[in-house]
Amino acid sequence: MTKPLIKQVAHACIFAHDLAATEKFYRDVFGIPTAFTFMRGDERIGYYLDLGGRTFIEVFSKAGSSFEETNQINHICLETEDMDGVLAHVRGQGVEITDKKRGVDGTWQAWTKDPNGVKLEIFEYTGDSLQFKPHGGVCQVNW
């Protein structure tokens, strides 16, 4: 097989109703630091959140934005190696998050949303995760 042309997802972009509240949420609830800020003159219009490695979330101010279940991009998935720790910490910050459940792909999953309504899936791989099985498998779903 030849080398893929694309290495990985570099960033996802979200629109924020309130830049400061969104930055505080990602920093305090998930420990994600800000990498750099976008300025238009003296106005702060956005920033990059650093997820580690070469992965980021780009955030721009857009007060009139909204999320609908019919959006073509539905959610952002954040990986953890400590689902139980994440659940306890998120709840300790006063943020609602679902209980963890085992997904049809063999991973642990829980769901929350940011202050703008962006859906966030929290995801922990397991030894049964289909993502690391040989390609060509089938994941039967019941939804």
N, C-alpha and C. Protein backbone atom coordinates (compact mmCIF):
# COMPACT_ATOMS: atom_id res chain seq x y z
N MET A 1 0.85 -1.19 0.00
CA MET A 1 0.00 0.00 0.00
C MET A 1 0.89 1.24 0.00
N THR A 2 0.50 2.24 -0.75
CA THR A 2 1.26 3.49 -0.79
C THR A 2 0.93 4.34 0.41
N LYS A 3 1.80 5.27 0.69
CA LYS A 3 1.61 6.19 1.82
C LYS A 3 0.37 7.05 1.57
N PRO A 4 -0.53 7.19 2.57
CA PRO A 4 -1.71 8.05 2.38
C PRO A 4 -1.31 9.50 2.11
N LEU A 5 -2.10 10.19 1.34
CA LEU A 5 -1.84 11.60 1.05
C LEU A 5 -2.13 12.49 2.25
N ILE A 6 -3.05 12.07 3.09
CA ILE A 6 -3.42 12.84 4.28
C ILE A 6 -2.90 12.12 5.51
N LYS A 7 -2.26 12.85 6.41
CA LYS A 7 -1.66 12.26 7.61
C LYS A 7 -2.68 12.08 8.73
N GLN A 8 -3.45 13.11 9.03
CA GLN A 8 -4.42 13.07 10.13
C GLN A 8 -5.28 14.32 10.06
N VAL A 9 -6.29 14.40 10.91
CA VAL A 9 -7.07 15.63 11.04
C VAL A 9 -6.21 16.64 11.79
N ALA A 10 -6.05 17.82 11.24
CA ALA A 10 -5.24 18.86 11.87
C ALA A 10 -6.06 19.67 12.88
N HIS A 11 -7.28 20.05 12.48
CA HIS A 11 -8.15 20.77 13.41
C HIS A 11 -9.60 20.69 12.96
N ALA A 12 -10.48 20.91 13.90
CA ALA A 12 -11.90 21.14 13.62
C ALA A 12 -12.17 22.58 14.06
N CYS A 13 -13.08 23.25 13.38
CA CYS A 13 -13.41 24.64 13.70
C CYS A 13 -14.81 24.71 14.28
N ILE A 14 -14.95 25.43 15.38
CA ILE A 14 -16.27 25.68 15.96
C ILE A 14 -16.48 27.18 16.09
N PHE A 15 -17.75 27.57 16.07
CA PHE A 15 -18.13 28.96 16.30
C PHE A 15 -18.60 29.10 17.74
N ALA A 16 -18.17 30.17 18.39
CA ALA A 16 -18.49 30.41 19.80
C ALA A 16 -19.36 31.64 19.95
N HIS A 17 -20.37 31.52 20.80
CA HIS A 17 -21.20 32.68 21.16
C HIS A 17 -20.41 33.62 22.06
N ASP A 18 -19.57 33.05 22.92
CA ASP A 18 -18.79 33.79 23.90
C ASP A 18 -17.40 33.16 23.95
N LEU A 19 -16.40 33.85 23.41
CA LEU A 19 -15.05 33.30 23.35
C LEU A 19 -14.49 32.96 24.73
N ALA A 20 -14.66 33.86 25.68
CA ALA A 20 -14.09 33.63 27.01
C ALA A 20 -14.74 32.44 27.71
N ALA A 21 -16.07 32.33 27.63
CA ALA A 21 -16.76 31.20 28.27
C ALA A 21 -16.38 29.88 27.61
N THR A 22 -16.22 29.89 26.30
CA THR A 22 -15.83 28.68 25.57
C THR A 22 -14.41 28.28 25.94
N GLU A 23 -13.50 29.24 26.00
CA GLU A 23 -12.12 28.95 26.37
C GLU A 23 -12.05 28.40 27.80
N LYS A 24 -12.80 29.01 28.71
CA LYS A 24 -12.83 28.54 30.10
C LYS A 24 -13.36 27.11 30.17
N PHE A 25 -14.41 26.80 29.42
CA PHE A 25 -14.99 25.46 29.41
C PHE A 25 -13.95 24.43 28.99
N TYR A 26 -13.31 24.63 27.85
CA TYR A 26 -12.34 23.64 27.37
C TYR A 26 -11.12 23.55 28.28
N ARG A 27 -10.71 24.68 28.87
CA ARG A 27 -9.56 24.67 29.79
C ARG A 27 -9.91 23.99 31.11
N ASP A 28 -11.00 24.42 31.74
CA ASP A 28 -11.33 23.94 33.08
C ASP A 28 -11.95 22.55 33.09
N VAL A 29 -12.78 22.24 32.12
CA VAL A 29 -13.48 20.96 32.09
C VAL A 29 -12.60 19.86 31.51
N PHE A 30 -11.81 20.18 30.48
CA PHE A 30 -11.02 19.15 29.81
C PHE A 30 -9.51 19.37 29.85
N GLY A 31 -9.06 20.47 30.44
CA GLY A 31 -7.62 20.71 30.56
C GLY A 31 -6.93 21.03 29.25
N ILE A 32 -7.67 21.60 28.30
CA ILE A 32 -7.11 21.89 26.98
C ILE A 32 -6.62 23.34 26.96
N PRO A 33 -5.31 23.55 26.78
CA PRO A 33 -4.78 24.92 26.78
C PRO A 33 -4.96 25.62 25.43
N THR A 34 -4.87 26.93 25.47
CA THR A 34 -4.91 27.75 24.26
C THR A 34 -3.51 27.82 23.66
N ALA A 35 -3.41 27.54 22.36
CA ALA A 35 -2.12 27.56 21.68
C ALA A 35 -1.75 28.97 21.22
N PHE A 36 -2.70 29.67 20.59
CA PHE A 36 -2.47 31.04 20.15
C PHE A 36 -3.82 31.70 19.89
N THR A 37 -3.79 33.01 19.72
CA THR A 37 -4.99 33.81 19.57
C THR A 37 -5.02 34.50 18.22
N PHE A 38 -6.23 34.63 17.64
CA PHE A 38 -6.44 35.42 16.42
C PHE A 38 -6.93 36.81 16.83
N MET A 39 -6.29 37.84 16.28
CA MET A 39 -6.69 39.22 16.56
C MET A 39 -7.03 39.91 15.24
N ARG A 40 -8.03 40.76 15.28
CA ARG A 40 -8.33 41.67 14.18
C ARG A 40 -8.15 43.06 14.77
N GLY A 41 -6.96 43.64 14.54
CA GLY A 41 -6.63 44.89 15.20
C GLY A 41 -6.52 44.63 16.69
N ASP A 42 -7.33 45.33 17.49
CA ASP A 42 -7.34 45.15 18.94
C ASP A 42 -8.41 44.15 19.41
N GLU A 43 -9.17 43.61 18.47
CA GLU A 43 -10.27 42.70 18.82
C GLU A 43 -9.83 41.25 18.73
N ARG A 44 -10.06 40.51 19.81
CA ARG A 44 -9.78 39.08 19.82
C ARG A 44 -10.97 38.38 19.14
N ILE A 45 -10.69 37.68 18.03
CA ILE A 45 -11.78 37.06 17.28
C ILE A 45 -11.75 35.53 17.32
N GLY A 46 -10.69 34.96 17.91
CA GLY A 46 -10.62 33.50 17.98
C GLY A 46 -9.32 33.02 18.56
N TYR A 47 -9.17 31.69 18.58
CA TYR A 47 -7.96 31.07 19.11
C TYR A 47 -7.92 29.60 18.70
N TYR A 48 -6.75 29.01 18.89
CA TYR A 48 -6.55 27.58 18.70
C TYR A 48 -6.44 26.94 20.08
N LEU A 49 -7.14 25.82 20.26
CA LEU A 49 -6.99 24.99 21.45
C LEU A 49 -6.07 23.83 21.10
N ASP A 50 -5.10 23.54 21.96
CA ASP A 50 -4.07 22.54 21.70
C ASP A 50 -4.42 21.21 22.33
N LEU A 51 -4.79 20.23 21.49
CA LEU A 51 -5.15 18.90 21.97
C LEU A 51 -3.94 17.97 22.08
N GLY A 52 -2.76 18.46 21.75
CA GLY A 52 -1.56 17.65 21.83
C GLY A 52 -1.15 17.12 20.47
N GLY A 53 0.10 16.77 20.37
CA GLY A 53 0.61 16.32 19.08
C GLY A 53 0.44 17.42 18.06
N ARG A 54 -0.31 17.13 17.02
CA ARG A 54 -0.54 18.10 15.95
C ARG A 54 -2.04 18.28 15.72
N THR A 55 -2.83 18.16 16.80
CA THR A 55 -4.29 18.23 16.70
C THR A 55 -4.81 19.43 17.49
N PHE A 56 -5.71 20.19 16.87
CA PHE A 56 -6.22 21.42 17.48
C PHE A 56 -7.72 21.55 17.25
N ILE A 57 -8.36 22.41 18.05
CA ILE A 57 -9.70 22.91 17.78
C ILE A 57 -9.55 24.40 17.56
N GLU A 58 -10.05 24.87 16.43
CA GLU A 58 -10.02 26.29 16.08
C GLU A 58 -11.36 26.88 16.50
N VAL A 59 -11.33 28.00 17.20
CA VAL A 59 -12.56 28.62 17.71
C VAL A 59 -12.62 30.06 17.21
N PHE A 60 -13.76 30.42 16.61
CA PHE A 60 -13.99 31.79 16.17
C PHE A 60 -15.29 32.31 16.76
N SER A 61 -15.32 33.61 17.05
CA SER A 61 -16.52 34.26 17.57
C SER A 61 -17.57 34.38 16.48
N LYS A 62 -18.76 33.90 16.78
CA LYS A 62 -19.89 34.04 15.85
C LYS A 62 -21.16 33.92 16.68
N ALA A 63 -21.68 35.05 17.13
CA ALA A 63 -22.79 35.07 18.07
C ALA A 63 -24.05 34.40 17.54
N GLY A 64 -24.31 34.47 16.27
CA GLY A 64 -25.55 33.94 15.71
C GLY A 64 -25.49 32.48 15.32
N SER A 65 -24.44 31.78 15.68
CA SER A 65 -24.31 30.38 15.27
C SER A 65 -25.22 29.48 16.10
N SER A 66 -25.59 28.33 15.53
CA SER A 66 -26.42 27.37 16.25
C SER A 66 -26.13 25.97 15.73
N PHE A 67 -26.43 24.98 16.56
CA PHE A 67 -26.25 23.59 16.19
C PHE A 67 -27.61 22.96 15.94
N GLU A 68 -27.69 22.18 14.90
CA GLU A 68 -28.90 21.41 14.60
C GLU A 68 -28.48 19.96 14.36
N GLU A 69 -29.32 19.02 14.72
CA GLU A 69 -29.03 17.61 14.49
C GLU A 69 -28.86 17.27 13.01
N THR A 70 -29.33 18.17 12.14
CA THR A 70 -29.21 17.93 10.70
C THR A 70 -27.91 18.48 10.11
N ASN A 71 -27.06 19.11 10.95
CA ASN A 71 -25.77 19.59 10.45
C ASN A 71 -24.98 18.43 9.88
N GLN A 72 -24.23 18.68 8.84
CA GLN A 72 -23.46 17.60 8.24
C GLN A 72 -22.31 17.14 9.11
N ILE A 73 -21.73 18.02 9.89
CA ILE A 73 -20.76 17.61 10.89
C ILE A 73 -21.50 17.64 12.21
N ASN A 74 -21.54 16.49 12.86
CA ASN A 74 -22.43 16.30 14.01
C ASN A 74 -21.77 16.50 15.36
N HIS A 75 -20.50 16.11 15.51
CA HIS A 75 -19.87 16.22 16.82
C HIS A 75 -18.35 16.15 16.68
N ILE A 76 -17.68 16.48 17.78
CA ILE A 76 -16.23 16.31 17.90
C ILE A 76 -16.00 15.22 18.93
N CYS A 77 -15.10 14.31 18.63
CA CYS A 77 -14.79 13.21 19.54
C CYS A 77 -13.42 13.47 20.17
N LEU A 78 -13.39 13.47 21.51
CA LEU A 78 -12.15 13.68 22.25
C LEU A 78 -11.74 12.37 22.92
N GLU A 79 -10.51 11.94 22.68
CA GLU A 79 -10.03 10.67 23.23
C GLU A 79 -9.45 10.84 24.63
N THR A 80 -9.74 9.87 25.49
CA THR A 80 -9.15 9.82 26.82
C THR A 80 -8.61 8.42 27.08
N GLU A 81 -7.74 8.30 28.06
CA GLU A 81 -7.29 6.99 28.53
C GLU A 81 -7.82 6.73 29.92
N ASP A 82 -8.72 7.62 30.42
CA ASP A 82 -9.28 7.49 31.77
C ASP A 82 -10.72 7.99 31.78
N MET A 83 -11.62 7.20 31.21
CA MET A 83 -13.02 7.61 31.10
C MET A 83 -13.63 7.91 32.47
N ASP A 84 -13.39 7.04 33.45
CA ASP A 84 -13.98 7.27 34.77
C ASP A 84 -13.46 8.56 35.40
N GLY A 85 -12.18 8.85 35.22
CA GLY A 85 -11.61 10.10 35.73
C GLY A 85 -12.21 11.31 35.04
N VAL A 86 -12.40 11.23 33.72
CA VAL A 86 -13.01 12.33 32.97
C VAL A 86 -14.44 12.56 33.46
N LEU A 87 -15.21 11.49 33.60
CA LEU A 87 -16.60 11.64 34.05
C LEU A 87 -16.66 12.33 35.40
N ALA A 88 -15.82 11.90 36.33
CA ALA A 88 -15.81 12.51 37.67
C ALA A 88 -15.41 13.98 37.60
N HIS A 89 -14.37 14.30 36.81
CA HIS A 89 -13.91 15.68 36.72
C HIS A 89 -14.96 16.59 36.06
N VAL A 90 -15.53 16.14 34.95
CA VAL A 90 -16.53 16.94 34.24
C VAL A 90 -17.72 17.22 35.16
N ARG A 91 -18.21 16.19 35.83
CA ARG A 91 -19.33 16.38 36.76
C ARG A 91 -18.95 17.29 37.92
N GLY A 92 -17.70 17.19 38.36
CA GLY A 92 -17.21 18.07 39.43
C GLY A 92 -17.17 19.53 39.02
N GLN A 93 -17.13 19.79 37.71
CA GLN A 93 -17.16 21.16 37.20
C GLN A 93 -18.59 21.65 36.98
N GLY A 94 -19.58 20.80 37.35
CA GLY A 94 -20.98 21.18 37.19
C GLY A 94 -21.51 21.01 35.79
N VAL A 95 -20.82 20.23 34.96
CA VAL A 95 -21.22 20.02 33.57
C VAL A 95 -21.90 18.65 33.46
N GLU A 96 -23.03 18.61 32.77
CA GLU A 96 -23.73 17.34 32.56
C GLU A 96 -23.01 16.51 31.51
N ILE A 97 -22.89 15.21 31.79
CA ILE A 97 -22.30 14.26 30.85
C ILE A 97 -23.00 12.93 31.06
N THR A 98 -23.21 12.17 30.00
CA THR A 98 -23.89 10.89 30.13
C THR A 98 -22.99 9.90 30.86
N ASP A 99 -23.57 8.82 31.34
CA ASP A 99 -22.77 7.71 31.85
C ASP A 99 -22.03 7.10 30.68
N LYS A 100 -20.93 6.40 30.96
CA LYS A 100 -20.22 5.73 29.87
C LYS A 100 -21.01 4.51 29.44
N LYS A 101 -20.90 4.21 28.16
CA LYS A 101 -21.50 2.98 27.63
C LYS A 101 -20.56 2.41 26.59
N ARG A 102 -20.66 1.15 26.39
CA ARG A 102 -19.82 0.47 25.40
C ARG A 102 -20.48 0.63 24.05
N GLY A 103 -19.77 1.24 23.10
CA GLY A 103 -20.30 1.43 21.76
C GLY A 103 -20.22 0.15 20.94
N VAL A 104 -20.93 0.12 19.84
CA VAL A 104 -20.94 -1.06 18.97
C VAL A 104 -19.55 -1.34 18.39
N ASP A 105 -18.68 -0.33 18.41
CA ASP A 105 -17.32 -0.52 17.89
C ASP A 105 -16.34 -0.97 18.97
N GLY A 106 -16.84 -1.26 20.18
CA GLY A 106 -16.00 -1.77 21.26
C GLY A 106 -15.33 -0.72 22.11
N THR A 107 -15.66 0.55 21.92
CA THR A 107 -15.06 1.64 22.69
C THR A 107 -16.01 2.09 23.80
N TRP A 108 -15.44 2.72 24.84
CA TRP A 108 -16.26 3.39 25.84
C TRP A 108 -16.60 4.78 25.31
N GLN A 109 -17.84 5.21 25.52
CA GLN A 109 -18.29 6.51 25.02
C GLN A 109 -19.15 7.21 26.08
N ALA A 110 -19.04 8.52 26.13
CA ALA A 110 -19.92 9.37 26.94
C ALA A 110 -20.12 10.66 26.15
N TRP A 111 -21.20 11.36 26.43
CA TRP A 111 -21.56 12.55 25.64
C TRP A 111 -21.84 13.75 26.53
N THR A 112 -21.39 14.92 26.04
CA THR A 112 -21.69 16.20 26.68
C THR A 112 -21.76 17.24 25.57
N LYS A 113 -21.86 18.50 25.93
CA LYS A 113 -21.81 19.57 24.93
C LYS A 113 -21.14 20.78 25.53
N ASP A 114 -20.58 21.62 24.66
CA ASP A 114 -19.91 22.82 25.14
C ASP A 114 -20.93 23.95 25.30
N PRO A 115 -20.52 25.13 25.78
CA PRO A 115 -21.48 26.22 26.01
C PRO A 115 -22.21 26.70 24.75
N ASN A 116 -21.71 26.32 23.57
CA ASN A 116 -22.32 26.75 22.31
C ASN A 116 -23.26 25.70 21.73
N GLY A 117 -23.37 24.55 22.42
CA GLY A 117 -24.20 23.47 21.93
C GLY A 117 -23.46 22.47 21.06
N VAL A 118 -22.14 22.63 20.90
CA VAL A 118 -21.36 21.68 20.12
C VAL A 118 -21.32 20.36 20.88
N LYS A 119 -21.75 19.29 20.22
CA LYS A 119 -21.76 17.97 20.85
C LYS A 119 -20.34 17.42 20.93
N LEU A 120 -20.01 16.88 22.10
CA LEU A 120 -18.70 16.30 22.34
C LEU A 120 -18.84 14.86 22.77
N GLU A 121 -18.22 13.97 22.03
CA GLU A 121 -18.16 12.56 22.41
C GLU A 121 -16.81 12.35 23.11
N ILE A 122 -16.85 11.77 24.29
CA ILE A 122 -15.63 11.39 24.98
C ILE A 122 -15.46 9.90 24.73
N PHE A 123 -14.25 9.49 24.39
CA PHE A 123 -14.03 8.20 23.75
C PHE A 123 -12.80 7.54 24.37
N GLU A 124 -12.92 6.29 24.78
CA GLU A 124 -11.77 5.54 25.28
C GLU A 124 -11.67 4.22 24.53
N TYR A 125 -10.55 4.01 23.86
CA TYR A 125 -10.33 2.75 23.16
C TYR A 125 -10.17 1.62 24.16
N THR A 126 -10.55 0.41 23.75
CA THR A 126 -10.36 -0.80 24.54
C THR A 126 -9.64 -1.83 23.68
N GLY A 127 -9.33 -2.96 24.27
CA GLY A 127 -8.72 -4.05 23.52
C GLY A 127 -9.64 -4.60 22.45
N ASP A 128 -10.95 -4.32 22.56
CA ASP A 128 -11.93 -4.79 21.58
C ASP A 128 -12.28 -3.75 20.52
N SER A 129 -11.68 -2.56 20.58
CA SER A 129 -12.02 -1.48 19.65
C SER A 129 -11.75 -1.91 18.21
N LEU A 130 -12.79 -1.81 17.39
CA LEU A 130 -12.66 -2.21 15.99
C LEU A 130 -11.69 -1.34 15.21
N GLN A 131 -11.41 -0.13 15.70
CA GLN A 131 -10.51 0.78 15.00
C GLN A 131 -9.12 0.17 14.83
N PHE A 132 -8.77 -0.82 15.66
CA PHE A 132 -7.43 -1.40 15.61
C PHE A 132 -7.44 -2.85 15.16
N LYS A 133 -8.56 -3.31 14.64
CA LYS A 133 -8.66 -4.65 14.07
C LYS A 133 -8.30 -4.54 12.59
N PRO A 134 -7.95 -5.65 11.94
CA PRO A 134 -7.63 -5.57 10.51
C PRO A 134 -8.78 -4.94 9.72
N HIS A 135 -8.43 -4.14 8.74
CA HIS A 135 -9.43 -3.45 7.91
C HIS A 135 -10.33 -4.45 7.20
N GLY A 136 -11.53 -4.02 6.94
CA GLY A 136 -12.47 -4.86 6.22
C GLY A 136 -13.51 -5.50 7.10
N GLY A 137 -13.42 -5.30 8.40
CA GLY A 137 -14.44 -5.85 9.30
C GLY A 137 -15.76 -5.13 9.15
N VAL A 138 -16.78 -5.68 9.77
CA VAL A 138 -18.13 -5.09 9.73
C VAL A 138 -18.57 -4.80 11.14
N CYS A 139 -19.12 -3.64 11.37
CA CYS A 139 -19.67 -3.24 12.66
C CYS A 139 -21.19 -3.19 12.51
N GLN A 140 -21.88 -4.15 13.05
CA GLN A 140 -23.33 -4.18 12.99
C GLN A 140 -23.89 -3.18 13.99
N VAL A 141 -24.83 -2.36 13.54
CA VAL A 141 -25.45 -1.37 14.42
C VAL A 141 -26.93 -1.65 14.57
N ASN A 142 -27.50 -1.14 15.65
CA ASN A 142 -28.92 -1.31 15.89
C ASN A 142 -29.61 0.04 16.07
N TRP A 143 -29.06 1.07 15.48
CA TRP A 143 -29.67 2.40 15.56
C TRP A 143 -29.90 2.95 14.18
